Amino acid sequence: YQNRKCQITKTGVKYIDYKNLYLLGRYVSRWGRIVPRYYSGNSLQNQKKVANDVKRARHMALLPFVK
C-alpha cells in the first residue's frame, strides 16, 4: 500500500507527547497492548514515537500496563 498516508499526519497532529492520552489511547488495544503498525497505519517514524510515548506514559502511571 504505497499510497497510504500516515494516520497521525493525516489528522494534523504536529507533536506526539506522552501527556496526550487521547492520542495514545487510540494506539493501545483494549487489552493494553500497543497496536502494530500494519493495523494503525502509521509511518515507521511516527509508530516509534507513539510506542516510546506509550511506554513513557506507562512508567509515569498515566496509562495502565494491563487493562
Protein backbone atom coordinates (compact mmCIF):
# COMPACT_ATOMS: atom_id res chain seq x y z
CA TYR A 1 0.00 0.00 0.00
CA GLN A 2 2.25 2.74 -1.24
CA ASN A 3 -0.45 5.41 -1.45
CA ARG A 4 -1.39 5.05 2.19
CA LYS A 5 -0.92 8.15 4.31
CA CYS A 6 0.24 8.08 7.88
CA GLN A 7 -2.76 8.38 10.19
CA ILE A 8 -1.03 10.83 12.51
CA THR A 9 0.00 13.24 9.77
CA LYS A 10 -3.42 12.87 8.15
CA THR A 11 -5.15 14.13 11.29
CA GLY A 12 -2.76 17.07 11.55
CA VAL A 13 -1.11 16.26 14.87
CA LYS A 14 2.06 18.31 14.99
CA TYR A 15 3.66 16.88 18.12
CA ILE A 16 3.35 13.45 19.73
CA ASP A 17 3.55 13.78 23.51
CA TYR A 18 3.29 11.25 26.32
CA LYS A 19 0.80 13.53 28.11
CA ASN A 20 -1.68 13.42 25.22
CA LEU A 21 -3.64 10.43 26.50
CA TYR A 22 -6.41 10.79 23.95
CA LEU A 23 -3.96 10.29 21.09
CA LEU A 24 -2.07 7.48 22.80
CA GLY A 25 -5.29 5.73 23.79
CA ARG A 26 -6.13 5.28 20.13
CA TYR A 27 -2.96 3.23 19.64
CA VAL A 28 -3.44 0.92 22.63
CA SER A 29 -5.69 -2.12 22.29
CA ARG A 30 -8.41 -2.92 24.77
CA TRP A 31 -6.02 -5.35 26.46
CA GLY A 32 -3.39 -2.65 26.89
CA ARG A 33 -1.03 -3.71 24.11
CA ILE A 34 0.45 -1.29 21.59
CA VAL A 35 -1.32 -1.61 18.24
CA PRO A 36 1.07 -2.72 15.47
CA ARG A 37 1.92 -0.52 12.56
CA TYR A 38 0.01 -2.53 9.96
CA TYR A 39 -3.23 -2.00 11.94
CA SER A 40 -2.70 1.61 12.91
CA GLY A 41 -1.48 2.80 9.50
CA ASN A 42 1.31 4.96 10.93
CA SER A 43 4.63 5.62 9.29
CA LEU A 44 7.67 3.97 10.82
CA GLN A 45 8.92 7.19 12.42
CA ASN A 46 5.57 8.06 13.99
CA GLN A 47 4.96 4.48 15.14
CA LYS A 48 8.29 4.52 17.00
CA LYS A 49 7.38 7.84 18.62
CA VAL A 50 3.97 6.52 19.65
CA ALA A 51 5.47 3.32 21.07
CA ASN A 52 8.07 5.22 23.09
CA ASP A 53 5.48 7.68 24.39
CA VAL A 54 3.10 4.87 25.38
CA LYS A 55 5.93 3.23 27.31
CA ARG A 56 6.83 6.54 28.93
CA ALA A 57 3.20 7.21 29.89
CA ARG A 58 3.01 3.74 31.44
CA HIS A 59 6.05 4.40 33.60
CA MET A 60 4.62 7.76 34.64
CA ALA A 61 1.41 5.91 35.67
CA LEU A 62 -0.72 7.79 33.12
CA LEU A 63 -1.63 4.63 31.19
CA PRO A 64 -2.11 1.17 32.68
CA PHE A 65 0.20 -1.68 31.69
CA VAL A 66 -2.75 -4.10 31.51
CA LYS A 67 -6.45 -3.31 31.32
